[in-house]
Amino acid sequence: MPILIQHFMMKKTFLYLVLAMMPVLASAQQVANSAPKASEATAAPTAGAEAPSAIRFGYFSFEEVFRTMPGYAIAKHHMDDLRLKYDAETKRSEDEFNSKYEEFLDGQRNFAPSILEKRQAELRELMAKNMAFKAESERLLKQAEEDAYAPLKKQIREALQKIGKAKGYAFILNADHDSLPYVDAAMGEDITELIKENLK
C-alpha cells in the first residue's frame, strides 16, 4: 500500500511540473516564430542600399587607330625605304654567290684538286656570310621598326589612359583579329573614333 501511494504521489508531482512549464514553452514558441530566419535576414536588402553598378569598359581597333595617325605614314615610309636597301644588298649577295657557283660547276671537271678545294671553301664561306647578313638584316629591321613606331604607340597608350579615366572604364580592350566577337552595348563602348579624334 505505501508503494502505491508513493507511485501516485510521483505521478501527481510530474503532472504539476508539466502544467507549470506549459506557459513557458508557449512563450518560447511565440518568440521563435516571430524571429526572422537567418536566410531571410541575409537575403533582404538593407534599406537605402544601392545595387552595385555594372562594369563598363571600352574597346577599339588598334590597327585602325595606328594606321590613321599623322606620324604613321612618315614612319612607314622610312621603314619601307630601309627595307628596300637591305633587300637590294641581299639580292646583290645572292647574285654574287649564284655567279660563282655557276663558274664552279662549269670548271670543276678541269680544276686541279687544290683549286677545286679552294673554290668549294670560297663558296661555303660566301654562303655562310650571306646567311649571317640576312639574319642580321632581319634583326636590324625589326629593331628599327620598333624604334620608329614606339612614339606612336606611346601616344595611343596616353590617349587610352585619358579616355579610360574620363569615361570611368574598368579596362579597355583591343578588338583586333576577331578577339571580341560579342559585346553587350550596355557595358562595352566602341571608342575607336574617339581615340582617332584625340590623336589628331
C-alpha atoms as a PDB file:
ATOM      1  CA  MET A   1       0.000   0.000   0.000  1.00  0.00           C
ATOM      2  CA  PRO A   2       2.711   2.548   0.837  1.00  0.00           C
ATOM      3  CA  ILE A   3       4.317   1.733  -2.516  1.00  0.00           C
ATOM      4  CA  LEU A   4       1.082   2.549  -4.387  1.00  0.00           C
ATOM      5  CA  ILE A   5       0.754   5.831  -2.512  1.00  0.00           C
ATOM      6  CA  GLN A   6       4.335   6.717  -3.316  1.00  0.00           C
ATOM      7  CA  HIS A   7       3.770   5.930  -7.031  1.00  0.00           C
ATOM      8  CA  PHE A   8       0.580   8.037  -7.095  1.00  0.00           C
ATOM      9  CA  MET A   9       2.378  10.979  -5.489  1.00  0.00           C
ATOM     10  CA  MET A  10       5.191  10.850  -8.147  1.00  0.00           C
ATOM     11  CA  LYS A  11       2.651  10.935 -10.991  1.00  0.00           C
ATOM     12  CA  LYS A  12       0.855  13.834  -9.355  1.00  0.00           C
ATOM     13  CA  THR A  13       4.137  15.777  -9.000  1.00  0.00           C
ATOM     14  CA  PHE A  14       5.016  15.141 -12.665  1.00  0.00           C
ATOM     15  CA  LEU A  15       1.610  16.484 -13.793  1.00  0.00           C
ATOM     16  CA  TYR A  16       2.127  19.646 -11.742  1.00  0.00           C
ATOM     17  CA  LEU A  17       5.533  20.188 -13.393  1.00  0.00           C
ATOM     18  CA  VAL A  18       4.099  19.755 -16.908  1.00  0.00           C
ATOM     19  CA  LEU A  19       1.285  22.193 -16.208  1.00  0.00           C
ATOM     20  CA  ALA A  20       3.752  24.714 -14.767  1.00  0.00           C
ATOM     21  CA  MET A  21       6.028  24.531 -17.817  1.00  0.00           C
ATOM     22  CA  MET A  22       3.276  24.992 -20.443  1.00  0.00           C
ATOM     23  CA  PRO A  23       3.202  28.857 -20.312  1.00  0.00           C
ATOM     24  CA  VAL A  24       6.995  28.985 -20.607  1.00  0.00           C
ATOM     25  CA  LEU A  25       7.009  26.664 -23.627  1.00  0.00           C
ATOM     26  CA  ALA A  26       4.222  28.643 -25.323  1.00  0.00           C
ATOM     27  CA  SER A  27       6.133  31.896 -24.809  1.00  0.00           C
ATOM     28  CA  ALA A  28       9.323  30.378 -26.243  1.00  0.00           C
ATOM     29  CA  GLN A  29       7.412  29.090 -29.296  1.00  0.00           C
ATOM     30  CA  GLN A  30       5.942  32.564 -29.931  1.00  0.00           C
ATOM     31  CA  VAL A  31       9.397  34.194 -29.760  1.00  0.00           C
ATOM     32  CA  ALA A  32      10.830  31.586 -32.159  1.00  0.00           C
ATOM     33  CA  ASN A  33       8.043  32.171 -34.691  1.00  0.00           C
ATOM     34  CA  SER A  34       8.411  35.950 -34.587  1.00  0.00           C
ATOM     35  CA  ALA A  35      12.225  35.913 -35.076  1.00  0.00           C
ATOM     36  CA  PRO A  36      13.319  36.322 -38.772  1.00  0.00           C
ATOM     37  CA  LYS A  37      15.112  33.429 -40.355  1.00  0.00           C
ATOM     38  CA  ALA A  38      18.870  33.833 -40.986  1.00  0.00           C
ATOM     39  CA  SER A  39      18.434  33.250 -44.727  1.00  0.00           C
ATOM     40  CA  GLU A  40      15.675  35.867 -44.908  1.00  0.00           C
ATOM     41  CA  ALA A  41      17.742  38.406 -42.988  1.00  0.00           C
ATOM     42  CA  THR A  42      20.680  37.809 -45.286  1.00  0.00           C
ATOM     43  CA  ALA A  43      18.621  37.983 -48.465  1.00  0.00           C
ATOM     44  CA  ALA A  44      16.690  41.117 -47.537  1.00  0.00           C
ATOM     45  CA  PRO A  45      18.444  44.252 -48.846  1.00  0.00           C
ATOM     46  CA  THR A  46      19.357  46.984 -46.403  1.00  0.00           C
ATOM     47  CA  ALA A  47      17.073  49.981 -46.632  1.00  0.00           C
ATOM     48  CA  GLY A  48      18.629  52.725 -48.750  1.00  0.00           C
ATOM     49  CA  ALA A  49      21.425  50.478 -50.103  1.00  0.00           C
ATOM     50  CA  GLU A  50      22.170  50.858 -53.815  1.00  0.00           C
ATOM     51  CA  ALA A  51      22.648  47.894 -56.152  1.00  0.00           C
ATOM     52  CA  PRO A  52      26.253  47.530 -57.436  1.00  0.00           C
ATOM     53  CA  SER A  53      26.748  49.282 -60.747  1.00  0.00           C
ATOM     54  CA  ALA A  54      27.614  47.221 -63.827  1.00  0.00           C
ATOM     55  CA  ILE A  55      31.201  47.189 -65.050  1.00  0.00           C
ATOM     56  CA  ARG A  56      31.770  49.495 -68.020  1.00  0.00           C
ATOM     57  CA  PHE A  57      34.646  49.140 -70.459  1.00  0.00           C
ATOM     58  CA  GLY A  58      35.828  50.412 -73.820  1.00  0.00           C
ATOM     59  CA  TYR A  59      37.162  48.632 -76.881  1.00  0.00           C
ATOM     60  CA  PHE A  60      38.825  49.746 -80.104  1.00  0.00           C
ATOM     61  CA  SER A  61      40.729  48.616 -83.185  1.00  0.00           C
ATOM     62  CA  PHE A  62      44.425  49.236 -82.583  1.00  0.00           C
ATOM     63  CA  GLU A  63      45.333  48.712 -86.245  1.00  0.00           C
ATOM     64  CA  GLU A  64      42.705  51.187 -87.452  1.00  0.00           C
ATOM     65  CA  VAL A  65      43.798  53.832 -84.968  1.00  0.00           C
ATOM     66  CA  PHE A  66      47.503  53.193 -85.555  1.00  0.00           C
ATOM     67  CA  ARG A  67      47.319  53.409 -89.355  1.00  0.00           C
ATOM     68  CA  THR A  68      45.366  56.685 -89.305  1.00  0.00           C
ATOM     69  CA  MET A  69      47.812  58.521 -87.007  1.00  0.00           C
ATOM     70  CA  PRO A  70      49.555  61.532 -88.590  1.00  0.00           C
ATOM     71  CA  GLY A  71      53.036  60.130 -87.911  1.00  0.00           C
ATOM     72  CA  TYR A  72      52.328  56.627 -89.196  1.00  0.00           C
ATOM     73  CA  ALA A  73      52.778  57.424 -92.906  1.00  0.00           C
ATOM     74  CA  ILE A  74      56.174  59.040 -92.243  1.00  0.00           C
ATOM     75  CA  ALA A  75      57.416  56.150 -90.088  1.00  0.00           C
ATOM     76  CA  LYS A  76      56.183  53.576 -92.609  1.00  0.00           C
ATOM     77  CA  HIS A  77      57.873  55.401 -95.497  1.00  0.00           C
ATOM     78  CA  HIS A  78      61.142  55.357 -93.564  1.00  0.00           C
ATOM     79  CA  MET A  79      60.790  51.649 -92.846  1.00  0.00           C
ATOM     80  CA  ASP A  80      59.898  50.806 -96.469  1.00  0.00           C
ATOM     81  CA  ASP A  81      62.966  52.709 -97.688  1.00  0.00           C
ATOM     82  CA  LEU A  82      65.248  50.925 -95.209  1.00  0.00           C
ATOM     83  CA  ARG A  83      63.791  47.529 -96.143  1.00  0.00           C
ATOM     84  CA  LEU A  84      64.410  48.192 -99.842  1.00  0.00           C
ATOM     85  CA  LYS A  85      68.083  48.909 -99.116  1.00  0.00           C
ATOM     86  CA  TYR A  86      68.524  45.669 -97.169  1.00  0.00           C
ATOM     87  CA  ASP A  87      66.658  43.714 -99.860  1.00  0.00           C
ATOM     88  CA  ALA A  88      68.902  45.192-102.580  1.00  0.00           C
ATOM     89  CA  GLU A  89      72.054  44.212-100.692  1.00  0.00           C
ATOM     90  CA  THR A  90      70.708  40.723-100.053  1.00  0.00           C
ATOM     91  CA  LYS A  91      69.935  40.282-103.757  1.00  0.00           C
ATOM     92  CA  ARG A  92      73.417  41.508-104.725  1.00  0.00           C
ATOM     93  CA  SER A  93      74.985  38.954-102.372  1.00  0.00           C
ATOM     94  CA  GLU A  94      72.788  36.160-103.737  1.00  0.00           C
ATOM     95  CA  ASP A  95      73.627  37.104-107.330  1.00  0.00           C
ATOM     96  CA  GLU A  96      77.322  37.054-106.486  1.00  0.00           C
ATOM     97  CA  PHE A  97      77.015  33.605-104.958  1.00  0.00           C
ATOM     98  CA  ASN A  98      74.997  32.255-107.903  1.00  0.00           C
ATOM     99  CA  SER A  99      77.579  33.598-110.381  1.00  0.00           C
ATOM    100  CA  LYS A 100      80.495  31.988-108.519  1.00  0.00           C
ATOM    101  CA  TYR A 101      78.562  28.741-108.166  1.00  0.00           C
ATOM    102  CA  GLU A 102      77.880  28.595-111.913  1.00  0.00           C
ATOM    103  CA  GLU A 103      81.587  29.202-112.626  1.00  0.00           C
ATOM    104  CA  PHE A 104      82.445  26.405-110.230  1.00  0.00           C
ATOM    105  CA  LEU A 105      80.037  23.996-111.932  1.00  0.00           C
ATOM    106  CA  ASP A 106      81.416  24.876-115.377  1.00  0.00           C
ATOM    107  CA  GLY A 107      85.064  24.385-114.423  1.00  0.00           C
ATOM    108  CA  GLN A 108      85.037  21.790-111.667  1.00  0.00           C
ATOM    109  CA  ARG A 109      85.977  18.946-114.052  1.00  0.00           C
ATOM    110  CA  ASN A 110      89.097  20.806-115.174  1.00  0.00           C
ATOM    111  CA  PHE A 111      90.178  22.150-111.775  1.00  0.00           C
ATOM    112  CA  ALA A 112      93.229  20.703-110.085  1.00  0.00           C
ATOM    113  CA  PRO A 113      92.350  19.103-106.700  1.00  0.00           C
ATOM    114  CA  SER A 114      93.813  22.027-104.730  1.00  0.00           C
ATOM    115  CA  ILE A 115      91.937  24.608-106.845  1.00  0.00           C
ATOM    116  CA  LEU A 116      88.703  22.592-106.557  1.00  0.00           C
ATOM    117  CA  GLU A 117      89.044  22.501-102.780  1.00  0.00           C
ATOM    118  CA  LYS A 118      89.789  26.239-102.674  1.00  0.00           C
ATOM    119  CA  ARG A 119      86.708  27.115-104.779  1.00  0.00           C
ATOM    120  CA  GLN A 120      84.482  24.898-102.641  1.00  0.00           C
ATOM    121  CA  ALA A 121      85.780  26.615 -99.471  1.00  0.00           C
ATOM    122  CA  GLU A 122      85.103  30.029-101.040  1.00  0.00           C
ATOM    123  CA  LEU A 123      81.522  29.044-101.871  1.00  0.00           C
ATOM    124  CA  ARG A 124      80.890  27.713 -98.354  1.00  0.00           C
ATOM    125  CA  GLU A 125      82.293  30.896 -96.816  1.00  0.00           C
ATOM    126  CA  LEU A 126      80.257  33.110 -99.131  1.00  0.00           C
ATOM    127  CA  MET A 127      77.064  31.191 -98.357  1.00  0.00           C
ATOM    128  CA  ALA A 128      77.697  31.453 -94.605  1.00  0.00           C
ATOM    129  CA  LYS A 129      78.260  35.218 -94.896  1.00  0.00           C
ATOM    130  CA  ASN A 130      75.076  35.665 -96.911  1.00  0.00           C
ATOM    131  CA  MET A 131      73.023  33.724 -94.376  1.00  0.00           C
ATOM    132  CA  ALA A 132      74.536  35.703 -91.491  1.00  0.00           C
ATOM    133  CA  PHE A 133      73.815  39.012 -93.264  1.00  0.00           C
ATOM    134  CA  LYS A 134      70.216  38.029 -93.962  1.00  0.00           C
ATOM    135  CA  ALA A 135      69.620  37.083 -90.323  1.00  0.00           C
ATOM    136  CA  GLU A 136      71.279  40.282 -89.104  1.00  0.00           C
ATOM    137  CA  SER A 137      69.332  42.455 -91.531  1.00  0.00           C
ATOM    138  CA  GLU A 138      66.048  40.939 -90.309  1.00  0.00           C
ATOM    139  CA  ARG A 139      67.051  41.675 -86.707  1.00  0.00           C
ATOM    140  CA  LEU A 140      68.038  45.258 -87.548  1.00  0.00           C
ATOM    141  CA  LEU A 141      64.808  45.847 -89.489  1.00  0.00           C
ATOM    142  CA  LYS A 142      62.732  44.576 -86.576  1.00  0.00           C
ATOM    143  CA  GLN A 143      64.592  46.818 -84.149  1.00  0.00           C
ATOM    144  CA  ALA A 144      64.278  49.813 -86.483  1.00  0.00           C
ATOM    145  CA  GLU A 145      60.531  49.201 -86.806  1.00  0.00           C
ATOM    146  CA  GLU A 146      60.105  49.047 -83.034  1.00  0.00           C
ATOM    147  CA  ASP A 147      62.067  52.293 -82.633  1.00  0.00           C
ATOM    148  CA  ALA A 148      60.120  54.053 -85.417  1.00  0.00           C
ATOM    149  CA  TYR A 149      56.698  53.039 -84.109  1.00  0.00           C
ATOM    150  CA  ALA A 150      57.416  53.349 -80.365  1.00  0.00           C
ATOM    151  CA  PRO A 151      56.470  57.076 -80.127  1.00  0.00           C
ATOM    152  CA  LEU A 152      53.165  56.413 -81.914  1.00  0.00           C
ATOM    153  CA  LYS A 153      52.292  53.528 -79.607  1.00  0.00           C
ATOM    154  CA  LYS A 154      53.129  55.708 -76.617  1.00  0.00           C
ATOM    155  CA  GLN A 155      50.660  58.340 -77.855  1.00  0.00           C
ATOM    156  CA  ILE A 156      47.948  55.665 -78.132  1.00  0.00           C
ATOM    157  CA  ARG A 157      48.611  54.449 -74.574  1.00  0.00           C
ATOM    158  CA  GLU A 158      48.412  58.005 -73.242  1.00  0.00           C
ATOM    159  CA  ALA A 159      45.116  58.589 -75.096  1.00  0.00           C
ATOM    160  CA  LEU A 160      43.707  55.349 -73.654  1.00  0.00           C
ATOM    161  CA  GLN A 161      44.639  56.424 -70.129  1.00  0.00           C
ATOM    162  CA  LYS A 162      42.981  59.798 -70.616  1.00  0.00           C
ATOM    163  CA  ILE A 163      39.768  58.407 -72.140  1.00  0.00           C
ATOM    164  CA  GLY A 164      39.553  55.487 -69.721  1.00  0.00           C
ATOM    165  CA  LYS A 165      39.715  57.736 -66.664  1.00  0.00           C
ATOM    166  CA  ALA A 166      37.284  60.299 -68.126  1.00  0.00           C
ATOM    167  CA  LYS A 167      34.742  57.586 -69.011  1.00  0.00           C
ATOM    168  CA  GLY A 168      35.176  55.619 -65.799  1.00  0.00           C
ATOM    169  CA  TYR A 169      36.086  52.402 -67.629  1.00  0.00           C
ATOM    170  CA  ALA A 170      37.313  49.366 -65.715  1.00  0.00           C
ATOM    171  CA  PHE A 171      39.502  48.463 -68.718  1.00  0.00           C
ATOM    172  CA  ILE A 172      39.915  48.978 -72.475  1.00  0.00           C
ATOM    173  CA  LEU A 173      40.305  46.059 -74.899  1.00  0.00           C
ATOM    174  CA  ASN A 174      41.950  45.753 -78.313  1.00  0.00           C
ATOM    175  CA  ALA A 175      39.303  44.151 -80.538  1.00  0.00           C
ATOM    176  CA  ASP A 176      41.589  43.326 -83.494  1.00  0.00           C
ATOM    177  CA  HIS A 177      41.781  39.821 -85.037  1.00  0.00           C
ATOM    178  CA  ASP A 178      38.189  38.976 -84.028  1.00  0.00           C
ATOM    179  CA  SER A 179      39.241  38.800 -80.369  1.00  0.00           C
ATOM    180  CA  LEU A 180      35.960  40.378 -79.201  1.00  0.00           C
ATOM    181  CA  PRO A 181      33.120  38.691 -81.142  1.00  0.00           C
ATOM    182  CA  TYR A 182      30.358  39.868 -78.773  1.00  0.00           C
ATOM    183  CA  VAL A 183      29.911  42.962 -76.615  1.00  0.00           C
ATOM    184  CA  ASP A 184      26.907  43.954 -74.513  1.00  0.00           C
ATOM    185  CA  ALA A 185      26.249  47.558 -75.606  1.00  0.00           C
ATOM    186  CA  ALA A 186      25.084  48.395 -72.085  1.00  0.00           C
ATOM    187  CA  MET A 187      28.562  47.601 -70.747  1.00  0.00           C
ATOM    188  CA  GLY A 188      31.051  48.000 -73.619  1.00  0.00           C
ATOM    189  CA  GLU A 189      31.579  51.034 -75.863  1.00  0.00           C
ATOM    190  CA  ASP A 190      33.482  51.263 -79.158  1.00  0.00           C
ATOM    191  CA  ILE A 191      35.884  54.199 -78.737  1.00  0.00           C
ATOM    192  CA  THR A 192      37.868  53.797 -81.975  1.00  0.00           C
ATOM    193  CA  GLU A 193      36.656  57.085 -83.443  1.00  0.00           C
ATOM    194  CA  LEU A 194      37.090  58.878 -80.120  1.00  0.00           C
ATOM    195  CA  ILE A 195      40.754  57.813 -79.952  1.00  0.00           C
ATOM    196  CA  LYS A 196      41.301  58.990 -83.533  1.00  0.00           C
ATOM    197  CA  GLU A 197      39.935  62.416 -82.610  1.00  0.00           C
ATOM    198  CA  ASN A 198      42.218  62.604 -79.573  1.00  0.00           C
ATOM    199  CA  LEU A 199      45.296  61.762 -81.666  1.00  0.00           C
ATOM    200  CA  LYS A 200      44.743  64.359 -84.419  1.00  0.00           C
END
